[in-house]
């Protein structure tokens, strides 16, 4: 029997409830849902409508998350629900994140065991909670992750990091790796384009990297005229170096016009290359570009001898010169989570659809 009662909330006046999952602290009236669409007040109790639902499953290369230093060359079972706790005007997955669960084709009443068994069936060593932000369905993430760990399956979150201290301390102990969407280094960007606040995300990144064992990689989607200035790239890298270190992988990825920002051009290749070069020159050891074809920008290099270790073609791995977690040339240790040899892959996605 599925239990969709939400975990993080408290009662307020006049049969309202306050959701304490994310920094919005939505005050929700009876019969209404919060900003994310899927956390709903029913008779003074907060329910999580995303529990046990999915808009579809796929087997992805782990590099698609993107995670280049966590089990590279392996498949990951990926899925999401509906809704989001941010309001990004440029959302690349708006058809899932900006709709209610009853407005998309989805399957419901899925037990946590179903998801884990699907990963086992398709020989995926990890499960990715992704597409829309998994923070808003954290209760279901926890229940799946607990069972997954019993079967030796890792758990991955692809998230905006907009979460309260209370909730993150209960969710992330069950997570093995996360890609955090580091959208920009300015409060004005977060406030105007995502309807959220920068400081809460920075706090999550610092906490995850310094106080947990979760493997972390960061992604910055570069949007022309909004977060593509060289000074902003430098400021972002400075913050990372001061609050994390030079070993955290950083992905600069290209924007394409969508949702409410169709009037902008795609991110030029030169902008991505410039951002990557700035980060490398400032001392970052693992910097990548994505959403474009760029073999150099998608390859993992040894930071000591500069040998190209894992050469990628989009999400496919074409060459591997690593020996477990070390450079095959100079034997320097490479930061990340590696298990044995990195296999050559085709990098293809398999849509499993809705069961």
Protein backbone atom coordinates (compact mmCIF):
# COMPACT_ATOMS: atom_id res chain seq x y z
CA UNK A 1 0.00 0.00 0.00
CA UNK A 2 1.54 3.31 -1.11
CA UNK A 3 1.62 6.10 1.46
CA UNK A 4 1.61 9.48 -0.29
CA UNK A 5 1.48 11.55 2.90
CA UNK A 6 4.23 14.15 2.72
CA UNK A 7 7.10 14.09 5.20
CA UNK A 8 8.12 17.75 5.53
CA UNK A 9 5.27 20.04 6.61
CA UNK A 10 3.55 21.61 9.58
CA UNK A 11 0.06 22.90 10.30
CA UNK A 12 -0.89 26.56 10.09
CA UNK A 13 -4.03 28.55 10.80
CA UNK A 14 -7.44 27.95 9.18
CA UNK A 15 -6.70 24.41 7.97
CA UNK A 16 -3.63 25.56 6.02
CA UNK A 17 -0.33 23.73 6.02
CA UNK A 18 3.24 24.95 5.47
CA UNK A 19 5.48 22.79 3.30
CA UNK A 20 9.01 22.75 4.74
CA UNK A 21 10.66 20.84 1.91
CA UNK A 22 12.11 23.78 0.00
CA UNK A 23 12.91 27.40 0.87
CA UNK A 24 9.61 28.62 -0.55
CA UNK A 25 7.79 27.40 2.58
CA UNK A 26 4.51 27.42 0.65
CA UNK A 27 1.47 28.07 2.82
CA UNK A 28 -1.15 25.85 1.22
CA UNK A 29 -4.90 26.11 1.68
CA UNK A 30 -7.25 23.13 1.79
CA UNK A 31 -7.57 21.55 -1.65
CA UNK A 32 -4.69 23.58 -3.05
CA UNK A 33 -1.19 22.63 -4.17
CA UNK A 34 2.10 24.41 -3.59
CA UNK A 35 4.27 26.10 -6.23
CA UNK A 36 5.57 22.70 -7.37
CA UNK A 37 2.06 21.45 -8.27
CA UNK A 38 2.42 18.06 -6.56
CA UNK A 39 2.41 18.81 -2.81
CA UNK A 40 -1.25 19.25 -1.93
CA UNK A 41 -3.31 20.00 1.19
CA UNK A 42 -6.20 17.61 1.67
CA UNK A 43 -8.23 18.22 4.81
CA UNK A 44 -5.27 19.66 6.69
CA UNK A 45 -2.79 16.94 5.68
CA UNK A 46 -0.07 17.50 3.08
CA UNK A 47 0.07 14.82 0.39
CA UNK A 48 2.76 14.23 -2.20
CA UNK A 49 0.93 13.59 -5.49
CA UNK A 50 4.11 12.52 -7.25
CA UNK A 51 4.51 9.45 -5.06
CA UNK A 52 4.34 6.27 -7.12
CA UNK A 53 3.97 8.09 -10.46
CA UNK A 54 6.25 8.43 -13.47
CA UNK A 55 6.09 10.16 -16.82
CA UNK A 56 8.28 7.40 -18.25
CA UNK A 57 11.52 5.47 -17.86
CA UNK A 58 14.69 5.37 -19.96
CA UNK A 59 18.05 3.67 -19.80
CA UNK A 60 20.62 6.43 -20.31
CA UNK A 61 24.39 6.53 -20.37
CA UNK A 62 25.46 7.97 -17.01
CA UNK A 63 27.31 10.68 -18.96
CA UNK A 64 23.94 12.12 -20.00
CA UNK A 65 23.12 13.27 -16.45
CA UNK A 66 25.88 14.64 -16.85
CA UNK A 67 28.19 12.64 -14.59
CA UNK A 68 31.64 11.99 -16.07
CA UNK A 69 33.38 10.80 -12.91
CA UNK A 70 30.73 8.50 -11.43
CA UNK A 71 30.69 4.96 -12.84
CA UNK A 72 31.61 6.18 -16.36
CA UNK A 73 30.55 3.91 -19.18
CA UNK A 74 27.61 2.43 -17.30
CA UNK A 75 23.85 2.61 -17.97
CA UNK A 76 21.53 4.32 -15.50
CA UNK A 77 17.78 3.87 -15.13
CA UNK A 78 16.31 7.39 -15.38
CA UNK A 79 12.83 8.63 -14.58
CA UNK A 80 10.87 11.56 -13.23
CA UNK A 81 7.38 12.71 -12.34
CA UNK A 82 5.71 16.10 -12.93
CA UNK A 83 6.12 19.56 -11.44
CA UNK A 84 9.05 21.59 -10.10
CA UNK A 85 9.82 23.96 -7.24
CA UNK A 86 11.51 26.46 -9.58
CA UNK A 87 9.95 28.52 -12.34
CA UNK A 88 12.77 28.65 -14.90
CA UNK A 89 11.63 30.55 -17.98
CA UNK A 90 14.07 28.53 -20.09
CA UNK A 91 13.29 25.07 -18.70
CA UNK A 92 14.56 22.39 -21.07
CA UNK A 93 12.07 19.83 -19.66
CA UNK A 94 9.09 22.18 -19.30
CA UNK A 95 6.64 19.62 -20.71
CA UNK A 96 7.18 17.63 -17.49
CA UNK A 97 8.30 20.17 -14.92
CA UNK A 98 5.68 22.83 -15.60
CA UNK A 99 2.59 20.64 -15.67
CA UNK A 100 0.51 18.94 -13.03
CA UNK A 101 0.68 15.17 -12.68
CA UNK A 102 -2.84 14.74 -14.05
CA UNK A 103 -1.98 16.79 -17.16
CA UNK A 104 0.66 14.45 -18.53
CA UNK A 105 0.56 10.84 -19.59
CA UNK A 106 1.82 9.04 -16.54
CA UNK A 107 1.52 5.78 -14.71
CA UNK A 108 0.63 5.72 -11.02
CA UNK A 109 0.62 3.30 -8.10
CA UNK A 110 4.18 2.19 -8.80
CA UNK A 111 5.76 0.53 -5.78
CA UNK A 112 9.39 1.34 -4.98
CA UNK A 113 10.20 -2.30 -5.68
CA UNK A 114 8.96 -1.88 -9.25
CA UNK A 115 11.57 0.79 -9.98
CA UNK A 116 14.39 -1.23 -8.43
CA UNK A 117 13.37 -4.37 -10.30
CA UNK A 118 13.36 -2.38 -13.53
CA UNK A 119 16.96 -1.34 -12.87
CA UNK A 120 17.92 -4.95 -12.16
CA UNK A 121 16.12 -6.17 -15.29
CA UNK A 122 18.03 -3.74 -17.50
CA UNK A 123 21.34 -4.31 -15.71
CA UNK A 124 21.68 -0.72 -14.51
CA UNK A 125 24.08 -0.29 -11.56
CA UNK A 126 22.38 3.00 -10.64
CA UNK A 127 19.03 4.79 -10.66
CA UNK A 128 18.74 8.48 -11.58
CA UNK A 129 15.96 10.62 -10.16
CA UNK A 130 15.77 13.30 -12.83
CA UNK A 131 13.85 15.11 -15.64
CA UNK A 132 11.77 17.19 -13.22
CA UNK A 133 13.37 18.01 -9.89
CA UNK A 134 13.37 14.98 -7.56
CA UNK A 135 13.54 17.16 -4.45
CA UNK A 136 9.77 17.69 -4.65
CA UNK A 137 9.15 13.95 -4.51
CA UNK A 138 11.83 13.27 -1.94
CA UNK A 139 9.65 10.86 0.04
CA UNK A 140 9.48 8.50 -2.93
CA UNK A 141 13.20 8.95 -3.64
CA UNK A 142 14.02 7.79 -0.12
CA UNK A 143 11.77 4.73 -0.31
CA UNK A 144 13.22 3.62 -3.64
CA UNK A 145 16.80 4.37 -2.62
CA UNK A 146 16.54 2.28 0.54
CA UNK A 147 15.55 -0.79 -1.45
CA UNK A 148 18.05 -0.05 -4.22
CA UNK A 149 20.91 -0.05 -1.73
CA UNK A 150 19.89 -3.47 -0.46
CA UNK A 151 20.47 -4.71 -4.01
CA UNK A 152 23.78 -2.89 -4.40
CA UNK A 153 22.30 -0.29 -6.76
CA UNK A 154 23.53 3.30 -6.49
CA UNK A 155 21.26 6.35 -6.37
CA UNK A 156 21.75 9.54 -8.39
CA UNK A 157 19.92 12.87 -8.13
CA UNK A 158 19.89 15.51 -10.86
CA UNK A 159 18.65 18.56 -9.00
CA UNK A 160 18.55 22.33 -8.68
CA UNK A 161 19.65 22.08 -5.05
CA UNK A 162 16.78 24.25 -3.81
CA UNK A 163 16.02 22.44 -0.58
CA UNK A 164 15.81 23.21 3.14
CA UNK A 165 18.43 22.06 5.62
CA UNK A 166 15.81 19.93 7.35
CA UNK A 167 14.87 17.98 4.22
CA UNK A 168 18.32 17.61 2.71
CA UNK A 169 19.67 15.99 5.87
CA UNK A 170 17.05 13.26 5.49
CA UNK A 171 17.17 12.73 1.71
CA UNK A 172 20.86 12.84 0.81
CA UNK A 173 22.09 10.10 3.16
CA UNK A 174 20.49 7.73 0.64
CA UNK A 175 22.11 9.38 -2.41
CA UNK A 176 25.46 8.33 -3.86
CA UNK A 177 25.96 10.99 -6.52
CA UNK A 178 24.33 14.23 -7.59
CA UNK A 179 24.60 16.73 -10.38
CA UNK A 180 23.65 20.16 -9.10
CA UNK A 181 22.39 22.73 -11.59
CA UNK A 182 24.49 25.81 -10.73
CA UNK A 183 22.45 28.19 -12.85
CA UNK A 184 24.37 31.40 -12.34
CA UNK A 185 26.44 33.28 -9.78
CA UNK A 186 24.07 36.26 -9.48
CA UNK A 187 20.99 36.67 -7.33
CA UNK A 188 19.32 38.70 -10.08
CA UNK A 189 19.45 35.71 -12.44
CA UNK A 190 17.92 33.35 -9.89
CA UNK A 191 15.26 35.84 -8.86
CA UNK A 192 14.19 37.01 -12.32
CA UNK A 193 14.55 33.82 -14.37
CA UNK A 194 13.86 31.02 -11.87
CA UNK A 195 11.79 32.69 -9.12
CA UNK A 196 14.18 31.41 -6.45
CA UNK A 197 17.26 32.60 -4.58
CA UNK A 198 20.96 31.94 -5.12
CA UNK A 199 22.11 31.69 -1.51
CA UNK A 200 20.01 28.60 -0.76
CA UNK A 201 21.61 26.75 -3.70
CA UNK A 202 25.11 27.82 -2.71
CA UNK A 203 24.47 26.54 0.79
CA UNK A 204 23.35 23.16 -0.55
CA UNK A 205 26.43 22.82 -2.76
CA UNK A 206 28.79 23.69 0.11
CA UNK A 207 27.05 21.30 2.47
CA UNK A 208 26.98 18.41 0.03
CA UNK A 209 30.60 18.77 -0.99
CA UNK A 210 32.12 19.38 2.42
CA UNK A 211 29.88 17.52 4.85
CA UNK A 212 28.60 14.43 2.99
CA UNK A 213 30.01 11.50 1.03
CA UNK A 214 27.84 12.24 -2.01
CA UNK A 215 29.86 12.51 -5.23
CA UNK A 216 29.09 15.95 -6.71
CA UNK A 217 29.36 17.41 -10.20
CA UNK A 218 28.12 20.87 -11.21
CA UNK A 219 26.37 22.01 -14.38
CA UNK A 220 26.05 25.56 -15.68
CA UNK A 221 23.65 26.11 -18.60
CA UNK A 222 24.97 29.17 -20.42
CA UNK A 223 22.18 31.42 -21.74
CA UNK A 224 23.16 34.18 -24.18
CA UNK A 225 22.84 37.70 -22.70
CA UNK A 226 21.85 36.38 -19.25
CA UNK A 227 24.79 34.52 -17.67
CA UNK A 228 27.46 34.48 -20.39
CA UNK A 229 29.82 37.24 -19.29
CA UNK A 230 33.46 36.37 -18.64
CA UNK A 231 33.38 38.12 -15.27
CA UNK A 232 30.52 35.85 -14.19
CA UNK A 233 32.41 32.73 -15.26
CA UNK A 234 35.38 33.91 -13.21
CA UNK A 235 33.23 34.73 -10.20
CA UNK A 236 31.57 31.31 -10.34
CA UNK A 237 34.89 29.50 -10.54
CA UNK A 238 36.31 31.59 -7.70
CA UNK A 239 33.35 30.61 -5.55
CA UNK A 240 33.82 26.92 -6.39
CA UNK A 241 37.53 27.02 -5.59
CA UNK A 242 36.93 28.82 -2.29
CA UNK A 243 33.99 26.72 -1.10
CA UNK A 244 34.67 23.30 -2.66
CA UNK A 245 38.00 22.65 -4.41
CA UNK A 246 39.64 22.26 -7.81
CA UNK A 247 38.64 18.60 -8.21
CA UNK A 248 34.88 18.99 -8.52
CA UNK A 249 33.86 18.41 -12.18
CA UNK A 250 32.22 21.41 -13.83
CA UNK A 251 30.07 21.15 -16.97
CA UNK A 252 29.29 24.17 -19.16
CA UNK A 253 26.38 23.24 -21.42
CA UNK A 254 24.65 24.92 -24.33
CA UNK A 255 21.20 26.47 -24.16
CA UNK A 256 18.65 25.96 -26.91
CA UNK A 257 15.57 28.18 -27.32
CA UNK A 258 12.54 26.72 -25.56
CA UNK A 259 9.57 27.36 -23.28
CA UNK A 260 9.34 31.11 -22.55
CA UNK A 261 12.73 32.03 -24.01
CA UNK A 262 12.39 31.04 -27.65
CA UNK A 263 13.58 34.45 -28.83
CA UNK A 264 17.20 33.82 -27.83
CA UNK A 265 19.86 32.13 -29.99
CA UNK A 266 21.60 28.89 -29.11
CA UNK A 267 24.76 29.23 -27.07
CA UNK A 268 27.72 29.74 -29.43
CA UNK A 269 30.43 27.11 -29.33
CA UNK A 270 32.96 29.86 -28.69
CA UNK A 271 31.20 30.90 -25.47
CA UNK A 272 31.38 27.35 -24.12
CA UNK A 273 35.05 27.06 -25.04
CA UNK A 274 35.82 30.43 -23.43
CA UNK A 275 34.10 29.44 -20.18
CA UNK A 276 35.96 26.13 -20.13
CA UNK A 277 39.32 27.80 -20.77
CA UNK A 278 38.72 30.35 -18.00
CA UNK A 279 37.93 27.59 -15.50
CA UNK A 280 40.98 25.55 -16.49
CA UNK A 281 43.29 28.56 -16.37
CA UNK A 282 41.99 29.38 -12.88
CA UNK A 283 42.92 25.90 -11.67
CA UNK A 284 39.88 23.64 -12.16
CA UNK A 285 41.07 20.13 -13.02
CA UNK A 286 38.00 18.66 -14.71
CA UNK A 287 35.98 21.00 -16.95
CA UNK A 288 33.62 19.89 -19.70
CA UNK A 289 31.24 21.27 -22.31
CA UNK A 290 27.92 19.69 -23.28
CA UNK A 291 24.89 19.81 -25.58
CA UNK A 292 27.34 20.23 -28.47
CA UNK A 293 29.82 17.98 -30.22
CA UNK A 294 33.26 18.74 -28.83
CA UNK A 295 35.62 15.80 -28.37
CA UNK A 296 38.21 17.91 -26.56
CA UNK A 297 35.65 19.46 -24.23
CA UNK A 298 34.08 16.11 -23.42
CA UNK A 299 37.30 14.21 -22.73
CA UNK A 300 38.65 13.53 -19.25
CA UNK A 301 42.32 14.46 -19.04
CA UNK A 302 44.85 13.56 -16.39
CA UNK A 303 45.49 16.82 -14.50
CA UNK A 304 49.13 15.79 -13.95
CA UNK A 305 50.39 14.65 -17.36
CA UNK A 306 47.46 15.80 -19.57
CA UNK A 307 46.98 12.35 -21.11
CA UNK A 308 43.47 12.04 -22.60
CA UNK A 309 42.06 9.30 -20.40
CA UNK A 310 38.38 8.88 -21.26
CA UNK A 311 37.61 10.13 -24.76
CA UNK A 312 33.93 10.79 -25.46
CA UNK A 313 31.84 11.31 -28.56
CA UNK A 314 28.75 13.01 -27.13
CA UNK A 315 27.76 10.42 -24.49
CA UNK A 316 29.68 7.53 -26.04
CA UNK A 317 33.07 6.43 -24.75
CA UNK A 318 35.50 5.81 -27.62
CA UNK A 319 38.76 5.28 -25.75
CA UNK A 320 39.85 4.54 -22.20
CA UNK A 321 43.36 4.91 -20.83
CA UNK A 322 42.56 4.60 -17.15
CA UNK A 323 43.56 1.81 -14.80
CA UNK A 324 40.73 1.65 -12.30
CA UNK A 325 40.85 5.11 -10.66
CA UNK A 326 44.31 6.08 -11.92
CA UNK A 327 45.87 7.56 -15.01
CA UNK A 328 47.17 4.77 -17.23
CA UNK A 329 50.23 6.83 -18.06
CA UNK A 330 51.54 8.45 -14.86
CA UNK A 331 49.34 6.61 -12.32
CA UNK A 332 48.05 9.82 -10.76
CA UNK A 333 44.74 9.30 -8.96
CA UNK A 334 41.70 10.67 -10.78
CA UNK A 335 38.91 12.08 -8.63
CA UNK A 336 35.64 10.21 -8.87
CA UNK A 337 33.88 6.92 -8.27
CA UNK A 338 35.30 4.24 -10.55
CA UNK A 339 34.79 0.49 -10.45
CA UNK A 340 37.28 -1.49 -12.47
CA UNK A 341 37.77 -0.76 -16.16
CA UNK A 342 35.73 1.86 -18.00
CA UNK A 343 33.98 0.12 -20.89
CA UNK A 344 33.72 1.52 -24.38
CA UNK A 345 30.08 2.39 -25.08
CA UNK A 346 27.77 3.57 -27.83
CA UNK A 347 26.17 6.18 -25.57
CA UNK A 348 22.67 5.38 -26.75
CA UNK A 349 19.46 5.98 -24.88
CA UNK A 350 16.70 3.38 -24.64
CA UNK A 351 13.21 4.67 -23.96
CA UNK A 352 11.30 2.19 -21.83
CA UNK A 353 8.12 4.27 -21.94
CA UNK A 354 5.35 3.79 -19.45
CA UNK A 355 4.91 0.22 -18.31
